[in-house]
Protein backbone atom coordinates (compact mmCIF):
# COMPACT_ATOMS: atom_id res chain seq x y z
CA MET A 1 11.82 -5.90 -3.04
CA ASP A 2 11.17 -7.57 0.30
CA ASN A 3 10.49 -11.28 0.36
CA ILE A 4 7.01 -11.37 1.89
CA GLN A 5 5.50 -14.67 3.01
CA GLU A 6 1.73 -15.08 2.91
CA LEU A 7 -0.77 -16.72 5.24
CA ASP A 8 -4.31 -17.32 4.03
CA ALA A 9 -6.44 -17.68 7.17
CA ARG A 10 -9.75 -17.24 5.34
CA GLY A 11 -12.36 -19.71 6.53
CA TYR A 12 -10.86 -20.01 10.01
CA ARG A 13 -12.63 -18.62 13.07
CA CYS A 14 -11.22 -17.17 16.27
CA PRO A 15 -8.72 -18.05 17.62
CA LEU A 16 -7.33 -20.05 14.66
CA PRO A 17 -6.16 -17.11 12.49
CA VAL A 18 -3.95 -15.85 15.33
CA ILE A 19 -2.75 -19.36 16.23
CA ARG A 20 -1.75 -20.04 12.63
CA MET A 21 -0.07 -16.62 12.38
CA GLU A 22 1.87 -17.22 15.61
CA ALA A 23 3.09 -20.62 14.39
CA ARG A 24 4.31 -19.08 11.14
CA LEU A 25 6.02 -16.15 12.90
CA ARG A 26 7.93 -18.57 15.15
CA ARG A 27 9.57 -20.04 12.04
CA MET A 28 10.57 -16.64 10.68
CA ALA A 29 13.60 -14.49 11.41
CA PRO A 30 13.27 -11.04 13.02
CA GLY A 31 12.45 -8.43 10.39
CA GLU A 32 10.80 -10.85 7.97
CA LYS A 33 7.31 -9.96 6.76
CA LEU A 34 4.09 -11.96 6.67
CA LEU A 35 0.99 -10.90 4.75
CA VAL A 36 -2.07 -12.26 6.57
CA ARG A 37 -5.58 -12.47 5.12
CA ALA A 38 -8.54 -13.38 7.33
CA ASP A 39 -12.28 -13.15 6.89
CA ASP A 40 -13.23 -13.61 10.55
CA PRO A 41 -14.34 -10.15 11.77
CA VAL A 42 -12.71 -10.79 15.16
CA ALA A 43 -9.31 -11.20 13.45
CA ALA A 44 -9.33 -7.47 12.68
CA LEU A 45 -9.00 -6.92 16.44
CA ASP A 46 -7.09 -10.05 17.48
CA ILE A 47 -4.21 -9.79 15.01
CA PRO A 48 -3.04 -6.28 15.96
CA HIS A 49 -3.59 -7.03 19.66
CA PHE A 50 -1.48 -10.19 19.52
CA CYS A 51 1.25 -8.42 17.54
CA ARG A 52 1.39 -5.50 19.97
CA GLU A 53 1.68 -7.86 22.95
CA ALA A 54 4.29 -10.08 21.27
CA GLY A 55 6.46 -7.24 19.94
CA HIS A 56 5.61 -7.55 16.25
CA GLU A 57 4.46 -4.75 13.97
CA ALA A 58 1.06 -5.14 12.27
CA LEU A 59 0.06 -2.67 9.57
CA ARG A 60 -3.52 -2.83 8.35
CA ARG A 61 -3.78 -2.88 4.57
CA PRO A 62 -6.93 -2.12 2.56
CA ASP A 63 -9.56 -4.81 2.93
CA GLU A 64 -10.14 -7.18 0.04
CA GLY A 65 -13.36 -8.77 -1.12
CA GLY A 66 -16.73 -7.12 -1.37
CA PRO A 67 -19.12 -5.70 1.20
CA GLY A 68 -20.72 -9.11 1.70
CA ALA A 69 -17.43 -10.92 2.28
CA PRO A 70 -14.71 -8.52 3.51
CA VAL A 71 -11.23 -9.91 4.06
CA CYS A 72 -8.96 -8.01 6.44
CA VAL A 73 -5.31 -7.83 5.41
CA PHE A 74 -2.32 -7.18 7.66
CA LEU A 75 1.37 -6.88 6.86
CA VAL A 76 3.12 -8.23 9.95
CA THR A 77 6.83 -7.66 10.57
CA ARG A 78 8.39 -10.24 12.88
CA GLY A 79 9.76 -8.64 16.04
CA PRO A 80 13.05 -9.42 17.79
CA ASN A 81 11.58 -11.89 20.28
CA PRO A 82 9.97 -15.28 19.65
CA ALA A 83 6.26 -15.09 18.93
């Protein structure tokens, strides 16, 4: 089983979820995985956009939480270049 790190960015608003994710990715080796949870609706767009631009892979997982408080979840694989 892969060793997956986790980042809980719930409660943070744009751009903090992406900034925190970038800081964590910089400390990881290429190929390592980071599970990111964020409840800011903008993060659902910002996270995959940042990953695409930086050369990381972001796979959207099923949302968590209920209809009143959805939490977007991404499994991010660190790319070959620094974040």
